[in-house]
Amino acid sequence: MHSDLINKIEKAKRYAQEPERFTIERLEAHFRGSSDHAISLDGDVWSCDCNFFRSWHTCSHVMAVQRLLAPMLSQEARRPSGPQYVSEELLEAAG
């Protein structure tokens, strides 16, 4: 294997161990379960096509992705959406 490629592979391994170096600004994902859902992030604004999200502006699908990708999200994108009483403390207590 070419030494330049080996160096790039090693660098990629180091980068993968430091997810906080990345910032996800736009994302489209699909949740598979008893019902499938489309989740998106555009800037700091989340969206999900589930009925719960339409009323609450947050849902379990979005909250799961926020937990999975937390090191790579902006501070605003990590924040809980929805009514004011859906606070970070409430989410942590439930976690």
PDB file of N, CA and C in Angstrom:
ATOM      1  N   MET A   1       0.851  -1.184   0.000  1.00  0.00           N
ATOM      2  CA  MET A   1       0.000   0.000   0.000  1.00  0.00           C
ATOM      3  C   MET A   1       0.894   1.244   0.000  1.00  0.00           C
ATOM      4  N   HIS A   2       0.484   2.264  -0.654  1.00  0.00           N
ATOM      5  CA  HIS A   2       1.232   3.501  -0.767  1.00  0.00           C
ATOM      6  C   HIS A   2       1.325   4.192   0.594  1.00  0.00           C
ATOM      7  N   SER A   3       2.503   4.705   0.948  1.00  0.00           N
ATOM      8  CA  SER A   3       2.708   5.293   2.280  1.00  0.00           C
ATOM      9  C   SER A   3       1.816   6.509   2.527  1.00  0.00           C
ATOM     10  N   ASP A   4       1.527   7.302   1.491  1.00  0.00           N
ATOM     11  CA  ASP A   4       0.633   8.456   1.664  1.00  0.00           C
ATOM     12  C   ASP A   4      -0.756   7.993   2.106  1.00  0.00           C
ATOM     13  N   LEU A   5      -1.237   6.922   1.502  1.00  0.00           N
ATOM     14  CA  LEU A   5      -2.552   6.392   1.862  1.00  0.00           C
ATOM     15  C   LEU A   5      -2.541   5.833   3.282  1.00  0.00           C
ATOM     16  N   ILE A   6      -1.477   5.164   3.658  1.00  0.00           N
ATOM     17  CA  ILE A   6      -1.362   4.640   5.025  1.00  0.00           C
ATOM     18  C   ILE A   6      -1.406   5.788   6.030  1.00  0.00           C
ATOM     19  N   ASN A   7      -0.707   6.871   5.744  1.00  0.00           N
ATOM     20  CA  ASN A   7      -0.727   8.044   6.631  1.00  0.00           C
ATOM     21  C   ASN A   7      -2.134   8.619   6.752  1.00  0.00           C
ATOM     22  N   LYS A   8      -2.871   8.684   5.656  1.00  0.00           N
ATOM     23  CA  LYS A   8      -4.244   9.211   5.685  1.00  0.00           C
ATOM     24  C   LYS A   8      -5.162   8.299   6.488  1.00  0.00           C
ATOM     25  N   ILE A   9      -4.979   6.996   6.370  1.00  0.00           N
ATOM     26  CA  ILE A   9      -5.797   6.052   7.143  1.00  0.00           C
ATOM     27  C   ILE A   9      -5.532   6.231   8.637  1.00  0.00           C
ATOM     28  N   GLU A  10      -4.277   6.371   9.015  1.00  0.00           N
ATOM     29  CA  GLU A  10      -3.929   6.580  10.425  1.00  0.00           C
ATOM     30  C   GLU A  10      -4.504   7.899  10.947  1.00  0.00           C
ATOM     31  N   LYS A  11      -4.436   8.938  10.128  1.00  0.00           N
ATOM     32  CA  LYS A  11      -4.993  10.241  10.516  1.00  0.00           C
ATOM     33  C   LYS A  11      -6.508  10.135  10.693  1.00  0.00           C
ATOM     34  N   ALA A  12      -7.168   9.423   9.801  1.00  0.00           N
ATOM     35  CA  ALA A  12      -8.622   9.233   9.899  1.00  0.00           C
ATOM     36  C   ALA A  12      -8.988   8.513  11.188  1.00  0.00           C
ATOM     37  N   LYS A  13      -8.204   7.524  11.577  1.00  0.00           N
ATOM     38  CA  LYS A  13      -8.453   6.809  12.834  1.00  0.00           C
ATOM     39  C   LYS A  13      -8.346   7.760  14.022  1.00  0.00           C
ATOM     40  N   ARG A  14      -7.353   8.630  14.014  1.00  0.00           N
ATOM     41  CA  ARG A  14      -7.209   9.612  15.110  1.00  0.00           C
ATOM     42  C   ARG A  14      -8.390  10.582  15.128  1.00  0.00           C
ATOM     43  N   TYR A  15      -8.777  11.087  13.958  1.00  0.00           N
ATOM     44  CA  TYR A  15      -9.916  12.000  13.880  1.00  0.00           C
ATOM     45  C   TYR A  15     -11.197  11.350  14.389  1.00  0.00           C
ATOM     46  N   ALA A  16     -11.405  10.094  14.054  1.00  0.00           N
ATOM     47  CA  ALA A  16     -12.624   9.395  14.475  1.00  0.00           C
ATOM     48  C   ALA A  16     -12.712   9.266  15.993  1.00  0.00           C
ATOM     49  N   GLN A  17     -11.594   9.339  16.680  1.00  0.00           N
ATOM     50  CA  GLN A  17     -11.584   9.278  18.140  1.00  0.00           C
ATOM     51  C   GLN A  17     -11.825  10.636  18.778  1.00  0.00           C
ATOM     52  N   GLU A  18     -11.981  11.667  17.960  1.00  0.00           N
ATOM     53  CA  GLU A  18     -12.206  13.027  18.452  1.00  0.00           C
ATOM     54  C   GLU A  18     -13.431  13.646  17.768  1.00  0.00           C
ATOM     55  N   PRO A  19     -14.636  13.116  18.053  1.00  0.00           N
ATOM     56  CA  PRO A  19     -15.833  13.609  17.351  1.00  0.00           C
ATOM     57  C   PRO A  19     -16.108  15.095  17.579  1.00  0.00           C
ATOM     58  N   GLU A  20     -15.591  15.654  18.665  1.00  0.00           N
ATOM     59  CA  GLU A  20     -15.819  17.076  18.937  1.00  0.00           C
ATOM     60  C   GLU A  20     -15.131  17.977  17.916  1.00  0.00           C
ATOM     61  N   ARG A  21     -14.252  17.435  17.103  1.00  0.00           N
ATOM     62  CA  ARG A  21     -13.600  18.221  16.051  1.00  0.00           C
ATOM     63  C   ARG A  21     -14.535  18.485  14.871  1.00  0.00           C
ATOM     64  N   PHE A  22     -15.611  17.731  14.800  1.00  0.00           N
ATOM     65  CA  PHE A  22     -16.568  17.855  13.699  1.00  0.00           C
ATOM     66  C   PHE A  22     -17.795  18.625  14.174  1.00  0.00           C
ATOM     67  N   THR A  23     -18.419  19.355  13.270  1.00  0.00           N
ATOM     68  CA  THR A  23     -19.691  20.005  13.559  1.00  0.00           C
ATOM     69  C   THR A  23     -20.670  19.627  12.454  1.00  0.00           C
ATOM     70  N   ILE A  24     -21.755  19.004  12.844  1.00  0.00           N
ATOM     71  CA  ILE A  24     -22.800  18.653  11.880  1.00  0.00           C
ATOM     72  C   ILE A  24     -23.742  19.839  11.772  1.00  0.00           C
ATOM     73  N   GLU A  25     -23.893  20.368  10.575  1.00  0.00           N
ATOM     74  CA  GLU A  25     -24.734  21.536  10.349  1.00  0.00           C
ATOM     75  C   GLU A  25     -25.999  21.196   9.588  1.00  0.00           C
ATOM     76  N   ARG A  26     -25.965  20.106   8.847  1.00  0.00           N
ATOM     77  CA  ARG A  26     -27.131  19.678   8.085  1.00  0.00           C
ATOM     78  C   ARG A  26     -27.142  18.155   8.083  1.00  0.00           C
ATOM     79  N   LEU A  27     -28.331  17.603   8.311  1.00  0.00           N
ATOM     80  CA  LEU A  27     -28.433  16.159   8.431  1.00  0.00           C
ATOM     81  C   LEU A  27     -29.815  15.706   8.019  1.00  0.00           C
ATOM     82  N   GLU A  28     -29.876  14.608   7.313  1.00  0.00           N
ATOM     83  CA  GLU A  28     -31.134  13.922   7.039  1.00  0.00           C
ATOM     84  C   GLU A  28     -30.943  12.480   7.460  1.00  0.00           C
ATOM     85  N   ALA A  29     -31.851  11.984   8.274  1.00  0.00           N
ATOM     86  CA  ALA A  29     -31.745  10.613   8.770  1.00  0.00           C
ATOM     87  C   ALA A  29     -33.120   9.971   8.758  1.00  0.00           C
ATOM     88  N   HIS A  30     -33.130   8.670   8.750  1.00  0.00           N
ATOM     89  CA  HIS A  30     -34.384   7.924   8.788  1.00  0.00           C
ATOM     90  C   HIS A  30     -34.354   6.981   9.975  1.00  0.00           C
ATOM     91  N   PHE A  31     -35.403   7.023  10.757  1.00  0.00           N
ATOM     92  CA  PHE A  31     -35.566   6.147  11.914  1.00  0.00           C
ATOM     93  C   PHE A  31     -36.429   4.969  11.492  1.00  0.00           C
ATOM     94  N   ARG A  32     -35.950   3.765  11.766  1.00  0.00           N
ATOM     95  CA  ARG A  32     -36.720   2.564  11.463  1.00  0.00           C
ATOM     96  C   ARG A  32     -37.220   1.964  12.755  1.00  0.00           C
ATOM     97  N   GLY A  33     -38.499   1.712  12.818  1.00  0.00           N
ATOM     98  CA  GLY A  33     -39.119   1.103  13.982  1.00  0.00           C
ATOM     99  C   GLY A  33     -40.485   0.592  13.589  1.00  0.00           C
ATOM    100  N   SER A  34     -41.411   0.558  14.558  1.00  0.00           N
ATOM    101  CA  SER A  34     -42.773   0.143  14.211  1.00  0.00           C
ATOM    102  C   SER A  34     -43.371   1.123  13.202  1.00  0.00           C
ATOM    103  N   SER A  35     -42.910   2.370  13.253  1.00  0.00           N
ATOM    104  CA  SER A  35     -43.213   3.381  12.234  1.00  0.00           C
ATOM    105  C   SER A  35     -41.894   4.007  11.817  1.00  0.00           C
ATOM    106  N   ASP A  36     -41.714   4.240  10.541  1.00  0.00           N
ATOM    107  CA  ASP A  36     -40.494   4.883  10.063  1.00  0.00           C
ATOM    108  C   ASP A  36     -40.700   6.389  10.058  1.00  0.00           C
ATOM    109  N   HIS A  37     -39.627   7.133  10.363  1.00  0.00           N
ATOM    110  CA  HIS A  37     -39.730   8.592  10.404  1.00  0.00           C
ATOM    111  C   HIS A  37     -38.507   9.238   9.779  1.00  0.00           C
ATOM    112  N   ALA A  38     -38.732  10.406   9.175  1.00  0.00           N
ATOM    113  CA  ALA A  38     -37.656  11.211   8.598  1.00  0.00           C
ATOM    114  C   ALA A  38     -37.317  12.320   9.590  1.00  0.00           C
ATOM    115  N   ILE A  39     -36.033  12.419   9.929  1.00  0.00           N
ATOM    116  CA  ILE A  39     -35.536  13.411  10.881  1.00  0.00           C
ATOM    117  C   ILE A  39     -34.549  14.288  10.127  1.00  0.00           C
ATOM    118  N   SER A  40     -34.557  15.582  10.412  1.00  0.00           N
ATOM    119  CA  SER A  40     -33.579  16.444   9.761  1.00  0.00           C
ATOM    120  C   SER A  40     -33.096  17.529  10.714  1.00  0.00           C
ATOM    121  N   LEU A  41     -31.918  18.014  10.416  1.00  0.00           N
ATOM    122  CA  LEU A  41     -31.323  19.151  11.106  1.00  0.00           C
ATOM    123  C   LEU A  41     -30.850  20.103  10.033  1.00  0.00           C
ATOM    124  N   ASP A  42     -31.269  21.353  10.117  1.00  0.00           N
ATOM    125  CA  ASP A  42     -30.816  22.386   9.193  1.00  0.00           C
ATOM    126  C   ASP A  42     -30.362  23.568  10.032  1.00  0.00           C
ATOM    127  N   GLY A  43     -29.072  23.784  10.087  1.00  0.00           N
ATOM    128  CA  GLY A  43     -28.526  24.779  11.009  1.00  0.00           C
ATOM    129  C   GLY A  43     -28.700  24.255  12.420  1.00  0.00           C
ATOM    130  N   ASP A  44     -29.510  24.915  13.207  1.00  0.00           N
ATOM    131  CA  ASP A  44     -29.799  24.472  14.571  1.00  0.00           C
ATOM    132  C   ASP A  44     -31.251  24.047  14.728  1.00  0.00           C
ATOM    133  N   VAL A  45     -31.972  23.895  13.625  1.00  0.00           N
ATOM    134  CA  VAL A  45     -33.408  23.614  13.663  1.00  0.00           C
ATOM    135  C   VAL A  45     -33.678  22.156  13.308  1.00  0.00           C
ATOM    136  N   TRP A  46     -34.295  21.450  14.250  1.00  0.00           N
ATOM    137  CA  TRP A  46     -34.650  20.044  14.068  1.00  0.00           C
ATOM    138  C   TRP A  46     -36.040  19.906  13.475  1.00  0.00           C
ATOM    139  N   SER A  47     -36.258  18.782  12.818  1.00  0.00           N
ATOM    140  CA  SER A  47     -37.574  18.461  12.278  1.00  0.00           C
ATOM    141  C   SER A  47     -37.737  16.947  12.272  1.00  0.00           C
ATOM    142  N   CYS A  48     -38.969  16.500  12.485  1.00  0.00           N
ATOM    143  CA  CYS A  48     -39.307  15.084  12.377  1.00  0.00           C
ATOM    144  C   CYS A  48     -40.728  15.012  11.841  1.00  0.00           C
ATOM    145  N   ASP A  49     -41.014  13.994  11.051  1.00  0.00           N
ATOM    146  CA  ASP A  49     -42.344  13.897  10.460  1.00  0.00           C
ATOM    147  C   ASP A  49     -43.353  13.155  11.342  1.00  0.00           C
ATOM    148  N   CYS A  50     -42.984  12.845  12.595  1.00  0.00           N
ATOM    149  CA  CYS A  50     -43.940  12.152  13.469  1.00  0.00           C
ATOM    150  C   CYS A  50     -44.988  13.128  14.024  1.00  0.00           C
ATOM    151  N   ASN A  51     -46.126  12.603  14.409  1.00  0.00           N
ATOM    152  CA  ASN A  51     -47.215  13.431  14.932  1.00  0.00           C
ATOM    153  C   ASN A  51     -46.836  14.157  16.211  1.00  0.00           C
ATOM    154  N   PHE A  52     -46.071  13.511  17.084  1.00  0.00           N
ATOM    155  CA  PHE A  52     -45.690  14.132  18.352  1.00  0.00           C
ATOM    156  C   PHE A  52     -44.874  15.402  18.101  1.00  0.00           C
ATOM    157  N   PHE A  53     -43.961  15.357  17.146  1.00  0.00           N
ATOM    158  CA  PHE A  53     -43.118  16.515  16.850  1.00  0.00           C
ATOM    159  C   PHE A  53     -43.962  17.707  16.404  1.00  0.00           C
ATOM    160  N   ARG A  54     -45.011  17.456  15.652  1.00  0.00           N
ATOM    161  CA  ARG A  54     -45.855  18.556  15.160  1.00  0.00           C
ATOM    162  C   ARG A  54     -46.438  19.378  16.310  1.00  0.00           C
ATOM    163  N   SER A  55     -46.756  18.727  17.410  1.00  0.00           N
ATOM    164  CA  SER A  55     -47.339  19.432  18.557  1.00  0.00           C
ATOM    165  C   SER A  55     -46.293  19.973  19.521  1.00  0.00           C
ATOM    166  N   TRP A  56     -45.228  19.208  19.753  1.00  0.00           N
ATOM    167  CA  TRP A  56     -44.270  19.521  20.812  1.00  0.00           C
ATOM    168  C   TRP A  56     -42.953  20.114  20.314  1.00  0.00           C
ATOM    169  N   HIS A  57     -42.696  20.058  19.015  1.00  0.00           N
ATOM    170  CA  HIS A  57     -41.441  20.546  18.423  1.00  0.00           C
ATOM    171  C   HIS A  57     -40.221  19.798  18.962  1.00  0.00           C
ATOM    172  N   THR A  58     -40.458  18.616  19.481  1.00  0.00           N
ATOM    173  CA  THR A  58     -39.417  17.663  19.855  1.00  0.00           C
ATOM    174  C   THR A  58     -40.068  16.296  19.902  1.00  0.00           C
ATOM    175  N   CYS A  59     -39.277  15.256  19.913  1.00  0.00           N
ATOM    176  CA  CYS A  59     -39.813  13.902  19.980  1.00  0.00           C
ATOM    177  C   CYS A  59     -38.688  12.943  20.359  1.00  0.00           C
ATOM    178  N   SER A  60     -39.036  11.712  20.595  1.00  0.00           N
ATOM    179  CA  SER A  60     -38.024  10.728  20.988  1.00  0.00           C
ATOM    180  C   SER A  60     -37.003  10.494  19.877  1.00  0.00           C
ATOM    181  N   HIS A  61     -37.422  10.640  18.628  1.00  0.00           N
ATOM    182  CA  HIS A  61     -36.506  10.417  17.503  1.00  0.00           C
ATOM    183  C   HIS A  61     -35.424  11.495  17.482  1.00  0.00           C
ATOM    184  N   VAL A  62     -35.835  12.746  17.618  1.00  0.00           N
ATOM    185  CA  VAL A  62     -34.886  13.861  17.635  1.00  0.00           C
ATOM    186  C   VAL A  62     -34.008  13.773  18.878  1.00  0.00           C
ATOM    187  N   MET A  63     -34.605  13.513  20.039  1.00  0.00           N
ATOM    188  CA  MET A  63     -33.821  13.440  21.267  1.00  0.00           C
ATOM    189  C   MET A  63     -32.779  12.326  21.204  1.00  0.00           C
ATOM    190  N   ALA A  64     -33.107  11.214  20.562  1.00  0.00           N
ATOM    191  CA  ALA A  64     -32.139  10.117  20.417  1.00  0.00           C
ATOM    192  C   ALA A  64     -30.957  10.549  19.551  1.00  0.00           C
ATOM    193  N   VAL A  65     -31.247  11.234  18.450  1.00  0.00           N
ATOM    194  CA  VAL A  65     -30.171  11.696  17.567  1.00  0.00           C
ATOM    195  C   VAL A  65     -29.325  12.757  18.277  1.00  0.00           C
ATOM    196  N   GLN A  66     -29.957  13.631  19.062  1.00  0.00           N
ATOM    197  CA  GLN A  66     -29.203  14.629  19.824  1.00  0.00           C
ATOM    198  C   GLN A  66     -28.227  13.945  20.782  1.00  0.00           C
ATOM    199  N   ARG A  67     -28.670  12.873  21.425  1.00  0.00           N
ATOM    200  CA  ARG A  67     -27.778  12.144  22.344  1.00  0.00           C
ATOM    201  C   ARG A  67     -26.644  11.461  21.582  1.00  0.00           C
ATOM    202  N   LEU A  68     -26.968  10.834  20.467  1.00  0.00           N
ATOM    203  CA  LEU A  68     -25.952  10.125  19.683  1.00  0.00           C
ATOM    204  C   LEU A  68     -24.874  11.061  19.142  1.00  0.00           C
ATOM    205  N   LEU A  69     -25.284  12.223  18.681  1.00  0.00           N
ATOM    206  CA  LEU A  69     -24.374  13.121  17.977  1.00  0.00           C
ATOM    207  C   LEU A  69     -23.924  14.320  18.805  1.00  0.00           C
ATOM    208  N   ALA A  70     -24.241  14.351  20.089  1.00  0.00           N
ATOM    209  CA  ALA A  70     -23.980  15.515  20.936  1.00  0.00           C
ATOM    210  C   ALA A  70     -22.603  16.146  20.743  1.00  0.00           C
ATOM    211  N   PRO A  71     -21.519  15.370  20.714  1.00  0.00           N
ATOM    212  CA  PRO A  71     -20.211  16.020  20.567  1.00  0.00           C
ATOM    213  C   PRO A  71     -20.034  16.760  19.245  1.00  0.00           C
ATOM    214  N   MET A  72     -20.857  16.429  18.251  1.00  0.00           N
ATOM    215  CA  MET A  72     -20.695  17.025  16.924  1.00  0.00           C
ATOM    216  C   MET A  72     -21.749  18.081  16.611  1.00  0.00           C
ATOM    217  N   LEU A  73     -22.596  18.406  17.590  1.00  0.00           N
ATOM    218  CA  LEU A  73     -23.655  19.394  17.377  1.00  0.00           C
ATOM    219  C   LEU A  73     -23.284  20.713  18.026  1.00  0.00           C
ATOM    220  N   SER A  74     -23.788  21.805  17.465  1.00  0.00           N
ATOM    221  CA  SER A  74     -23.601  23.102  18.094  1.00  0.00           C
ATOM    222  C   SER A  74     -24.346  23.107  19.427  1.00  0.00           C
ATOM    223  N   GLN A  75     -24.001  24.038  20.268  1.00  0.00           N
ATOM    224  CA  GLN A  75     -24.671  24.163  21.570  1.00  0.00           C
ATOM    225  C   GLN A  75     -26.187  24.305  21.380  1.00  0.00           C
ATOM    226  N   GLU A  76     -26.591  25.088  20.396  1.00  0.00           N
ATOM    227  CA  GLU A  76     -28.020  25.315  20.142  1.00  0.00           C
ATOM    228  C   GLU A  76     -28.714  24.043  19.647  1.00  0.00           C
ATOM    229  N   ALA A  77     -28.071  23.292  18.776  1.00  0.00           N
ATOM    230  CA  ALA A  77     -28.668  22.066  18.250  1.00  0.00           C
ATOM    231  C   ALA A  77     -28.758  20.970  19.313  1.00  0.00           C
ATOM    232  N   ARG A  78     -27.931  21.066  20.360  1.00  0.00           N
ATOM    233  CA  ARG A  78     -27.999  20.107  21.472  1.00  0.00           C
ATOM    234  C   ARG A  78     -29.126  20.429  22.441  1.00  0.00           C
ATOM    235  N   ARG A  79     -29.559  21.688  22.437  1.00  0.00           N
ATOM    236  CA  ARG A  79     -30.591  22.135  23.371  1.00  0.00           C
ATOM    237  C   ARG A  79     -31.930  21.492  23.074  1.00  0.00           C
ATOM    238  N   PRO A  80     -32.682  21.165  24.133  1.00  0.00           N
ATOM    239  CA  PRO A  80     -34.025  20.619  23.905  1.00  0.00           C
ATOM    240  C   PRO A  80     -34.925  21.653  23.244  1.00  0.00           C
ATOM    241  N   SER A  81     -35.753  21.190  22.335  1.00  0.00           N
ATOM    242  CA  SER A  81     -36.741  22.054  21.695  1.00  0.00           C
ATOM    243  C   SER A  81     -38.064  21.892  22.417  1.00  0.00           C
ATOM    244  N   GLY A  82     -39.059  22.558  21.940  1.00  0.00           N
ATOM    245  CA  GLY A  82     -40.391  22.401  22.506  1.00  0.00           C
ATOM    246  C   GLY A  82     -40.693  23.443  23.558  1.00  0.00           C
ATOM    247  N   PRO A  83     -41.759  23.208  24.326  1.00  0.00           N
ATOM    248  CA  PRO A  83     -42.153  24.161  25.365  1.00  0.00           C
ATOM    249  C   PRO A  83     -41.019  24.403  26.351  1.00  0.00           C
ATOM    250  N   GLN A  84     -41.055  25.544  27.004  1.00  0.00           N
ATOM    251  CA  GLN A  84     -39.981  25.951  27.900  1.00  0.00           C
ATOM    252  C   GLN A  84     -39.731  24.936  29.020  1.00  0.00           C
ATOM    253  N   TYR A  85     -40.770  24.239  29.454  1.00  0.00           N
ATOM    254  CA  TYR A  85     -40.581  23.304  30.556  1.00  0.00           C
ATOM    255  C   TYR A  85     -39.918  22.003  30.119  1.00  0.00           C
ATOM    256  N   VAL A  86     -39.663  21.835  28.834  1.00  0.00           N
ATOM    257  CA  VAL A  86     -38.857  20.701  28.369  1.00  0.00           C
ATOM    258  C   VAL A  86     -37.400  21.163  28.483  1.00  0.00           C
ATOM    259  N   SER A  87     -36.887  21.129  29.689  1.00  0.00           N
ATOM    260  CA  SER A  87     -35.562  21.662  29.969  1.00  0.00           C
ATOM    261  C   SER A  87     -34.507  20.571  29.914  1.00  0.00           C
ATOM    262  N   GLU A  88     -33.268  21.005  29.880  1.00  0.00           N
ATOM    263  CA  GLU A  88     -32.166  20.049  29.906  1.00  0.00           C
ATOM    264  C   GLU A  88     -32.190  19.251  31.213  1.00  0.00           C
ATOM    265  N   GLU A  89     -32.574  19.892  32.306  1.00  0.00           N
ATOM    266  CA  GLU A  89     -32.630  19.194  33.594  1.00  0.00           C
ATOM    267  C   GLU A  89     -33.675  18.087  33.563  1.00  0.00           C
ATOM    268  N   LEU A  90     -34.815  18.347  32.959  1.00  0.00           N
ATOM    269  CA  LEU A  90     -35.866  17.328  32.841  1.00  0.00           C
ATOM    270  C   LEU A  90     -35.371  16.149  32.017  1.00  0.00           C
ATOM    271  N   LEU A  91     -34.689  16.445  30.909  1.00  0.00           N
ATOM    272  CA  LEU A  91     -34.172  15.386  30.063  1.00  0.00           C
ATOM    273  C   LEU A  91     -33.098  14.569  30.763  1.00  0.00           C
ATOM    274  N   GLU A  92     -32.235  15.243  31.532  1.00  0.00           N
ATOM    275  CA  GLU A  92     -31.196  14.540  32.267  1.00  0.00           C
ATOM    276  C   GLU A  92     -31.792  13.658  33.361  1.00  0.00           C
ATOM    277  N   ALA A  93     -32.834  14.154  34.033  1.00  0.00           N
ATOM    278  CA  ALA A  93     -33.478  13.390  35.092  1.00  0.00           C
ATOM    279  C   ALA A  93     -34.117  12.126  34.525  1.00  0.00           C
ATOM    280  N   ALA A  94     -34.637  12.225  33.323  1.00  0.00           N
ATOM    281  CA  ALA A  94     -35.277  11.075  32.692  1.00  0.00           C
ATOM    282  C   ALA A  94     -34.255  10.111  32.111  1.00  0.00           C
ATOM    283  N   GLY A  95     -33.024  10.598  31.904  1.00  0.00           N
ATOM    284  CA  GLY A  95     -32.000   9.799  31.246  1.00  0.00           C
ATOM    285  C   GLY A  95     -31.373   8.822  32.157  1.00  0.00           C
TER     286      GLY A  95
END
